[in-house]
Amino acid sequence: MKYGYFDDMNKEYIITTPKTPLPWINYLGNENFYGLISNTLGGYSFFKDARLQRITRFRYNNIPVDTGGRYYYIKEEDKEAWNPGYMPC
């Protein structure tokens, strides 16, 4: 099953469906603060130590699913609220 394609001109992988078999994670951070963000906008962040200083909840020793935690919605003036991610819709 195909979940996306490589864009050679922009040097990136384009995900065309969020329904991947497992979460695909992007790692962001610097020497102190880190965040892990999945293709469905799930993930977590922490300060220095993922086990002891998590800022947002994530059970890294559970099965690899991308559920729970916080979801964000955007509400523009005079418009309906919408979710920039795939879940929980």
C-alpha atoms as a PDB file:
ATOM      1  CA  MET A   1       0.000   0.000   0.000  1.00  0.00           C
ATOM      2  CA  LYS A   2       1.278   3.435  -0.898  1.00  0.00           C
ATOM      3  CA  TYR A   3       1.143   6.232   1.695  1.00  0.00           C
ATOM      4  CA  GLY A   4       2.856   8.968  -0.261  1.00  0.00           C
ATOM      5  CA  TYR A   5       5.669   9.768  -2.651  1.00  0.00           C
ATOM      6  CA  PHE A   6       9.050  11.471  -2.862  1.00  0.00           C
ATOM      7  CA  ASP A   7       9.093  14.963  -4.349  1.00  0.00           C
ATOM      8  CA  ASP A   8      12.554  15.212  -5.908  1.00  0.00           C
ATOM      9  CA  MET A   9      12.274  18.916  -6.689  1.00  0.00           C
ATOM     10  CA  ASN A  10      11.501  19.918  -3.083  1.00  0.00           C
ATOM     11  CA  LYS A  11      13.530  17.053  -1.554  1.00  0.00           C
ATOM     12  CA  GLU A  12      10.709  15.851   0.695  1.00  0.00           C
ATOM     13  CA  TYR A  13       8.346  12.945   1.214  1.00  0.00           C
ATOM     14  CA  ILE A  14       4.695  13.883   0.748  1.00  0.00           C
ATOM     15  CA  ILE A  15       2.253  11.827   2.842  1.00  0.00           C
ATOM     16  CA  THR A  16      -1.014  11.518   0.927  1.00  0.00           C
ATOM     17  CA  THR A  17      -2.991   9.650   3.585  1.00  0.00           C
ATOM     18  CA  PRO A  18      -2.698   9.753   7.366  1.00  0.00           C
ATOM     19  CA  LYS A  19      -3.801   6.107   7.557  1.00  0.00           C
ATOM     20  CA  THR A  20      -0.288   4.697   7.876  1.00  0.00           C
ATOM     21  CA  PRO A  21       0.208   1.314   9.589  1.00  0.00           C
ATOM     22  CA  LEU A  22       2.005   2.991  12.525  1.00  0.00           C
ATOM     23  CA  PRO A  23       2.636   6.640  13.439  1.00  0.00           C
ATOM     24  CA  TRP A  24       5.390   8.241  11.347  1.00  0.00           C
ATOM     25  CA  ILE A  25       7.357  10.483  13.704  1.00  0.00           C
ATOM     26  CA  ASN A  26       9.324  13.686  13.114  1.00  0.00           C
ATOM     27  CA  TYR A  27      11.832  14.627  15.808  1.00  0.00           C
ATOM     28  CA  LEU A  28      12.375  18.306  16.622  1.00  0.00           C
ATOM     29  CA  GLY A  29      14.566  19.803  19.286  1.00  0.00           C
ATOM     30  CA  ASN A  30      17.666  21.474  20.589  1.00  0.00           C
ATOM     31  CA  GLU A  31      19.971  20.701  23.510  1.00  0.00           C
ATOM     32  CA  ASN A  32      17.192  21.111  26.118  1.00  0.00           C
ATOM     33  CA  PHE A  33      13.712  20.937  24.599  1.00  0.00           C
ATOM     34  CA  TYR A  34      12.396  18.198  22.324  1.00  0.00           C
ATOM     35  CA  GLY A  35       9.179  17.414  20.544  1.00  0.00           C
ATOM     36  CA  LEU A  36       8.032  14.373  18.610  1.00  0.00           C
ATOM     37  CA  ILE A  37       5.207  14.952  16.143  1.00  0.00           C
ATOM     38  CA  SER A  38       3.452  12.235  14.167  1.00  0.00           C
ATOM     39  CA  ASN A  39       1.881  12.378  10.727  1.00  0.00           C
ATOM     40  CA  THR A  40      -1.535  12.769  12.406  1.00  0.00           C
ATOM     41  CA  LEU A  41      -0.266  15.634  14.622  1.00  0.00           C
ATOM     42  CA  GLY A  42      -0.017  13.478  17.719  1.00  0.00           C
ATOM     43  CA  GLY A  43       3.106  13.293  19.835  1.00  0.00           C
ATOM     44  CA  TYR A  44       4.651  14.772  22.933  1.00  0.00           C
ATOM     45  CA  SER A  45       7.277  17.201  24.187  1.00  0.00           C
ATOM     46  CA  PHE A  46       9.756  17.160  27.043  1.00  0.00           C
ATOM     47  CA  PHE A  47      12.544  19.095  28.719  1.00  0.00           C
ATOM     48  CA  LYS A  48      15.900  17.262  28.773  1.00  0.00           C
ATOM     49  CA  ASP A  49      14.578  13.831  29.877  1.00  0.00           C
ATOM     50  CA  ALA A  50      11.626  12.117  28.162  1.00  0.00           C
ATOM     51  CA  ARG A  51      11.013   9.815  31.103  1.00  0.00           C
ATOM     52  CA  LEU A  52      11.197  12.317  33.956  1.00  0.00           C
ATOM     53  CA  GLN A  53      10.351  15.728  32.488  1.00  0.00           C
ATOM     54  CA  ARG A  54       7.567  15.249  29.959  1.00  0.00           C
ATOM     55  CA  ILE A  55       5.541  18.355  29.285  1.00  0.00           C
ATOM     56  CA  THR A  56       2.746  16.528  27.496  1.00  0.00           C
ATOM     57  CA  ARG A  57       1.563  12.983  28.137  1.00  0.00           C
ATOM     58  CA  PHE A  58       2.764  10.058  26.052  1.00  0.00           C
ATOM     59  CA  ARG A  59       3.232   6.445  27.052  1.00  0.00           C
ATOM     60  CA  TYR A  60       6.379   5.583  25.159  1.00  0.00           C
ATOM     61  CA  ASN A  61       6.413   1.989  26.426  1.00  0.00           C
ATOM     62  CA  ASN A  62       2.900   1.128  25.170  1.00  0.00           C
ATOM     63  CA  ILE A  63       1.875  -0.173  21.787  1.00  0.00           C
ATOM     64  CA  PRO A  64       2.669   2.293  18.993  1.00  0.00           C
ATOM     65  CA  VAL A  65      -0.651   4.054  18.521  1.00  0.00           C
ATOM     66  CA  ASP A  66      -1.269   7.741  18.267  1.00  0.00           C
ATOM     67  CA  THR A  67      -4.258   8.368  20.530  1.00  0.00           C
ATOM     68  CA  GLY A  68      -5.005  10.304  23.663  1.00  0.00           C
ATOM     69  CA  GLY A  69      -3.375  13.489  24.798  1.00  0.00           C
ATOM     70  CA  ARG A  70      -4.438  16.936  23.663  1.00  0.00           C
ATOM     71  CA  TYR A  71      -6.100  18.049  20.468  1.00  0.00           C
ATOM     72  CA  TYR A  72      -6.101  21.587  19.177  1.00  0.00           C
ATOM     73  CA  TYR A  73      -8.779  23.378  17.223  1.00  0.00           C
ATOM     74  CA  ILE A  74      -8.605  26.706  15.461  1.00  0.00           C
ATOM     75  CA  LYS A  75     -11.561  29.069  15.635  1.00  0.00           C
ATOM     76  CA  GLU A  76     -11.379  32.040  13.333  1.00  0.00           C
ATOM     77  CA  GLU A  77     -13.702  34.965  13.773  1.00  0.00           C
ATOM     78  CA  ASP A  78     -17.073  34.335  12.074  1.00  0.00           C
ATOM     79  CA  LYS A  79     -16.012  30.823  11.012  1.00  0.00           C
ATOM     80  CA  GLU A  80     -16.441  27.313  12.352  1.00  0.00           C
ATOM     81  CA  ALA A  81     -13.780  25.648  14.481  1.00  0.00           C
ATOM     82  CA  TRP A  82     -11.521  23.215  12.641  1.00  0.00           C
ATOM     83  CA  ASN A  83      -8.771  20.760  13.465  1.00  0.00           C
ATOM     84  CA  PRO A  84      -5.489  21.078  11.523  1.00  0.00           C
ATOM     85  CA  GLY A  85      -4.772  17.384  12.099  1.00  0.00           C
ATOM     86  CA  TYR A  86      -6.303  14.069  11.205  1.00  0.00           C
ATOM     87  CA  MET A  87      -7.482  13.078  14.684  1.00  0.00           C
ATOM     88  CA  PRO A  88      -9.853  13.094  16.524  1.00  0.00           C
ATOM     89  CA  CYS A  89     -12.222  14.503  13.852  1.00  0.00           C
END
